[in-house]
Protein backbone atom coordinates (compact mmCIF):
# COMPACT_ATOMS: atom_id res chain seq x y z
CA LEU A 1 114.34 71.85 133.62
CA ASP A 2 116.55 69.32 132.14
CA SER A 3 118.45 69.21 129.20
CA ASN A 4 115.99 68.76 125.92
CA GLY A 5 114.48 72.33 128.42
CA ILE A 6 111.26 70.21 129.54
CA CYS A 7 110.08 70.45 132.96
CA VAL A 8 110.25 67.49 134.80
CA ALA A 9 109.22 68.69 138.14
CA ALA A 10 107.04 71.59 139.57
CA ARG A 11 104.97 72.30 142.61
CA VAL A 12 102.29 74.65 142.97
CA GLY A 13 101.30 76.49 146.67
CA LEU A 14 99.28 79.32 146.81
CA GLY A 15 98.80 81.75 149.10
CA ALA A 16 95.35 84.10 150.38
CA VAL A 17 92.68 82.61 148.34
CA ALA A 18 91.20 80.32 150.50
CA ALA A 19 90.89 79.50 154.59
CA THR A 20 94.10 77.72 154.57
CA VAL A 21 97.48 77.08 151.85
CA LEU A 22 96.96 75.47 148.72
CA LEU A 23 99.09 72.74 147.47
CA VAL A 24 97.43 72.67 143.80
CA THR A 25 99.25 69.34 142.31
CA GLU A 26 97.14 69.44 138.83
CA ALA A 27 98.31 73.04 138.02
CA ALA A 28 102.09 71.51 138.97
CA ASP A 29 100.76 68.69 136.42
CA ALA A 30 100.56 71.14 133.61
CA LEU A 31 103.74 72.36 133.66
CA ILE A 32 105.50 68.26 133.60
CA GLY A 33 106.63 67.36 130.92
CA SER A 34 105.68 70.53 128.63
CA SER A 35 108.88 72.41 127.17
CA VAL A 36 106.84 75.64 129.95
CA ASP A 37 104.73 77.42 126.50
CA GLU A 38 101.97 79.53 126.91
CA GLY A 39 99.88 77.49 126.99
CA ALA A 40 101.40 75.29 129.64
CA ILE A 41 101.24 78.32 131.23
CA ASP A 42 97.61 78.91 130.64
CA ASN A 43 96.77 75.81 131.49
CA MET A 44 98.31 76.31 134.81
CA THR A 45 96.41 79.62 136.02
CA SER A 46 93.13 77.97 135.04
CA ALA A 47 94.18 74.48 137.02
CA ILE A 48 95.10 77.28 139.45
CA ARG A 49 91.25 79.59 139.40
CA SER A 50 90.22 76.26 140.12
CA ALA A 51 91.42 75.78 143.45
CA CYS A 52 90.72 79.47 144.56
CA ARG A 53 88.18 79.77 147.71
CA PRO A 54 88.30 83.48 148.17
CA ILE A 55 86.47 86.05 150.20
CA ASP A 56 84.51 87.91 149.72
CA ASP A 57 86.31 91.41 151.69
CA LYS A 58 86.74 95.32 151.40
CA ARG A 59 90.32 94.28 149.78
CA GLY A 60 89.03 93.22 147.16
CA THR A 61 86.43 90.53 145.35
CA ILE A 62 86.32 86.87 145.14
CA ALA A 63 86.32 87.78 141.29
CA TYR A 64 89.28 90.16 141.81
CA ARG A 65 91.86 87.47 143.87
CA THR A 66 90.43 84.73 141.85
CA GLN A 67 91.92 86.64 138.68
CA VAL A 68 95.13 88.33 140.92
CA SER A 69 96.00 84.36 141.64
CA GLY A 70 96.77 83.71 137.88
CA VAL A 71 98.89 86.54 136.96
CA LEU A 72 100.75 85.86 139.29
CA ALA A 73 101.41 82.89 139.39
CA GLY A 74 101.74 83.18 135.68
CA ARG A 75 104.40 85.55 136.04
CA THR A 76 105.98 84.15 138.96
CA CYS A 77 106.20 80.96 136.36
CA ARG A 78 107.93 82.66 133.45
CA ILE A 79 110.47 84.91 136.09
CA ALA A 80 111.65 80.73 137.59
CA LEU A 81 111.28 79.90 134.05
CA GLN A 82 113.64 82.54 133.07
CA ARG A 83 116.07 82.32 136.12
CA ALA A 84 116.13 77.46 135.04
CA GLU A 85 117.34 78.73 131.59
CA GLN A 86 120.79 80.43 132.69
CA SER A 87 121.56 77.82 135.21
């Protein structure tokens, strides 16, 4: 975050939701230039869910893995925002 609370850089990587690790630039772009409010986080999670290509097996369905990826990314983003605001 810059001195005005605007996100100036972000990277979003995902594992275990595709054949290889994904770097989701669309998700990062949803945060950059914003104050990382709930709207920006929602846009990020939508981009993440769109990028997911998980498999369907006994450990979890495609729908479950896709949903959870967005939930966990949202939580991670909020924690990172809190840490950035404290520093």
